[in-house]
Structures are given as structure tokens and as C-alpha cells.
Amino acid sequence: MTMSKAEPRRLENWTIRQGCLVGQVFGDPNRPAGTWIETSPITQLDGNEVQTRNSRYSLGNPDPAFLLALQLAKVSPEAALDRVAFDNSLRR
């Protein structure tokens, strides 16, 4: 699967919850800037961009509490996203 070429929405203060991203979205024509959303399941990663079942997002800064939890677990945000994308691919 290749990423779509449309300009991605940007997620800030994001975290991962049950295979999806939760964060504040910017650049979404259907929502005010800074609206909190939960995405559909993550399906693919490409550097700083994430494809979900329905949309593509550029990742800004993760939620500081989420980042701290990852640091305490000695897991990088990239590794956590890779694991979620892999797990979600097995469920398709």
C-alpha cells in the first residue's frame, strides 16, 4: 500500500490508544484547528507520516505524558507506532 499524495492533516499532542491515534488535528477542512480526535486504526508508517484506515496524518509533538511513559518503558515513539501498525495489519 502506498501513501496517498494529498496534503496530510497534522496531529499534535498525540498518543496511541487501542491501535489508533488520539490528538489535536490541524489542517482538516472539516474541523476547527486544535480539535481533539481519535483516528481510525493505523495501517502504515512512512517516516513522520501515518496512514490510518481513512486518512493520512503528519505527526507533530507527542503528548508529554505519553512520551514520558515511553521513555520509562525505554521504547521510542517510532517503535511504538511500528508495533501498532504491525498488530493492526494482522487484524485485516
C-alpha atoms as a PDB file:
ATOM      1  CA  MET A   1       0.000   0.000   0.000  1.00  0.00           C
ATOM      2  CA  THR A   2       1.367   3.439  -0.849  1.00  0.00           C
ATOM      3  CA  MET A   3       0.525   6.648   0.932  1.00  0.00           C
ATOM      4  CA  SER A   4      -1.891   8.970  -0.817  1.00  0.00           C
ATOM      5  CA  LYS A   5      -0.446  12.206  -2.207  1.00  0.00           C
ATOM      6  CA  ALA A   6      -2.996  14.540  -0.566  1.00  0.00           C
ATOM      7  CA  GLU A   7      -1.581  17.002   1.971  1.00  0.00           C
ATOM      8  CA  PRO A   8      -1.778  15.257   5.358  1.00  0.00           C
ATOM      9  CA  ARG A   9      -3.526  16.636   8.365  1.00  0.00           C
ATOM     10  CA  ARG A  10      -1.204  17.304  11.310  1.00  0.00           C
ATOM     11  CA  LEU A  11      -1.639  15.754  14.754  1.00  0.00           C
ATOM     12  CA  GLU A  12      -0.165  17.422  17.825  1.00  0.00           C
ATOM     13  CA  ASN A  13      -0.156  16.201  21.434  1.00  0.00           C
ATOM     14  CA  TRP A  14      -0.792  12.717  20.103  1.00  0.00           C
ATOM     15  CA  THR A  15      -0.836   9.390  21.841  1.00  0.00           C
ATOM     16  CA  ILE A  16      -1.712   5.835  20.843  1.00  0.00           C
ATOM     17  CA  ARG A  17      -4.914   4.232  22.142  1.00  0.00           C
ATOM     18  CA  GLN A  18      -6.053   0.757  21.087  1.00  0.00           C
ATOM     19  CA  GLY A  19      -4.290   0.886  17.718  1.00  0.00           C
ATOM     20  CA  CYS A  20      -5.461   4.411  16.891  1.00  0.00           C
ATOM     21  CA  LEU A  21      -4.032   7.891  17.339  1.00  0.00           C
ATOM     22  CA  VAL A  22      -5.600  10.461  19.633  1.00  0.00           C
ATOM     23  CA  GLY A  23      -4.539  14.082  19.360  1.00  0.00           C
ATOM     24  CA  GLN A  24      -5.293  17.618  18.238  1.00  0.00           C
ATOM     25  CA  VAL A  25      -5.800  17.888  14.491  1.00  0.00           C
ATOM     26  CA  PHE A  26      -4.740  20.831  12.333  1.00  0.00           C
ATOM     27  CA  GLY A  27      -5.312  21.276   8.610  1.00  0.00           C
ATOM     28  CA  ASP A  28      -8.547  19.279   8.497  1.00  0.00           C
ATOM     29  CA  PRO A  29     -11.061  21.127   6.314  1.00  0.00           C
ATOM     30  CA  ASN A  30     -13.955  19.638   8.298  1.00  0.00           C
ATOM     31  CA  ARG A  31     -12.804  20.563  11.815  1.00  0.00           C
ATOM     32  CA  PRO A  32     -11.611  23.679  13.630  1.00  0.00           C
ATOM     33  CA  ALA A  33      -7.860  23.767  14.269  1.00  0.00           C
ATOM     34  CA  GLY A  34      -6.947  22.064  17.532  1.00  0.00           C
ATOM     35  CA  THR A  35      -9.995  19.774  17.689  1.00  0.00           C
ATOM     36  CA  TRP A  36      -9.308  16.573  19.638  1.00  0.00           C
ATOM     37  CA  ILE A  37      -9.910  13.455  17.533  1.00  0.00           C
ATOM     38  CA  GLU A  38      -9.420   9.704  17.595  1.00  0.00           C
ATOM     39  CA  THR A  39      -8.347   8.288  14.245  1.00  0.00           C
ATOM     40  CA  SER A  40      -9.251   5.021  12.622  1.00  0.00           C
ATOM     41  CA  PRO A  41      -6.645   2.233  13.113  1.00  0.00           C
ATOM     42  CA  ILE A  42      -3.068   2.884  11.994  1.00  0.00           C
ATOM     43  CA  THR A  43      -2.237   0.899   8.855  1.00  0.00           C
ATOM     44  CA  GLN A  44       1.110   2.232   7.636  1.00  0.00           C
ATOM     45  CA  LEU A  45       4.063   4.380   8.651  1.00  0.00           C
ATOM     46  CA  ASP A  46       6.278   6.450   6.395  1.00  0.00           C
ATOM     47  CA  GLY A  47       8.779   8.458   8.408  1.00  0.00           C
ATOM     48  CA  ASN A  48       6.825  11.178  10.184  1.00  0.00           C
ATOM     49  CA  GLU A  49       3.578  10.349   8.372  1.00  0.00           C
ATOM     50  CA  VAL A  50       0.983   7.830   9.437  1.00  0.00           C
ATOM     51  CA  GLN A  51      -1.727   6.293   7.271  1.00  0.00           C
ATOM     52  CA  THR A  52      -4.862   5.201   9.062  1.00  0.00           C
ATOM     53  CA  ARG A  53      -7.728   3.288   7.565  1.00  0.00           C
ATOM     54  CA  ASN A  54      -9.346   6.572   6.473  1.00  0.00           C
ATOM     55  CA  SER A  55      -6.774   9.394   6.476  1.00  0.00           C
ATOM     56  CA  ARG A  56      -3.117  10.383   6.441  1.00  0.00           C
ATOM     57  CA  TYR A  57      -1.512  12.421   9.226  1.00  0.00           C
ATOM     58  CA  SER A  58       1.787  14.183   9.748  1.00  0.00           C
ATOM     59  CA  LEU A  59       2.866  13.745  13.353  1.00  0.00           C
ATOM     60  CA  GLY A  60       3.842  16.763  15.384  1.00  0.00           C
ATOM     61  CA  ASN A  61       4.920  16.516  19.001  1.00  0.00           C
ATOM     62  CA  PRO A  62       3.599  13.600  21.062  1.00  0.00           C
ATOM     63  CA  ASP A  63       1.698  14.174  24.291  1.00  0.00           C
ATOM     64  CA  PRO A  64       4.317  14.859  27.023  1.00  0.00           C
ATOM     65  CA  ALA A  65       2.797  12.264  29.397  1.00  0.00           C
ATOM     66  CA  PHE A  66       2.790   9.645  26.616  1.00  0.00           C
ATOM     67  CA  LEU A  67       6.406  10.494  25.775  1.00  0.00           C
ATOM     68  CA  LEU A  68       7.390  10.133  29.446  1.00  0.00           C
ATOM     69  CA  ALA A  69       5.665   6.740  29.658  1.00  0.00           C
ATOM     70  CA  LEU A  70       7.558   5.586  26.552  1.00  0.00           C
ATOM     71  CA  GLN A  71      10.843   6.854  27.984  1.00  0.00           C
ATOM     72  CA  LEU A  72      10.224   4.990  31.248  1.00  0.00           C
ATOM     73  CA  ALA A  73       9.479   1.831  29.241  1.00  0.00           C
ATOM     74  CA  LYS A  74      12.606   2.500  27.135  1.00  0.00           C
ATOM     75  CA  VAL A  75      10.539   2.487  23.928  1.00  0.00           C
ATOM     76  CA  SER A  76      10.737   5.166  21.245  1.00  0.00           C
ATOM     77  CA  PRO A  77       7.587   6.692  19.729  1.00  0.00           C
ATOM     78  CA  GLU A  78       8.659   5.230  16.367  1.00  0.00           C
ATOM     79  CA  ALA A  79       8.932   1.710  17.824  1.00  0.00           C
ATOM     80  CA  ALA A  80       5.520   2.041  19.463  1.00  0.00           C
ATOM     81  CA  LEU A  81       3.968   3.175  16.166  1.00  0.00           C
ATOM     82  CA  ASP A  82       5.695   0.354  14.259  1.00  0.00           C
ATOM     83  CA  ARG A  83       4.274  -2.189  16.687  1.00  0.00           C
ATOM     84  CA  VAL A  84       0.746  -0.786  16.417  1.00  0.00           C
ATOM     85  CA  ALA A  85       0.862  -0.731  12.601  1.00  0.00           C
ATOM     86  CA  PHE A  86       2.110  -4.333  12.582  1.00  0.00           C
ATOM     87  CA  ASP A  87      -0.566  -5.502  15.032  1.00  0.00           C
ATOM     88  CA  ASN A  88      -3.287  -3.728  13.039  1.00  0.00           C
ATOM     89  CA  SER A  89      -2.070  -5.315   9.792  1.00  0.00           C
ATOM     90  CA  LEU A  90      -2.604  -8.744  11.339  1.00  0.00           C
ATOM     91  CA  ARG A  91      -6.249  -7.889  12.088  1.00  0.00           C
ATOM     92  CA  ARG A  92      -7.174  -7.030   8.491  1.00  0.00           C
END
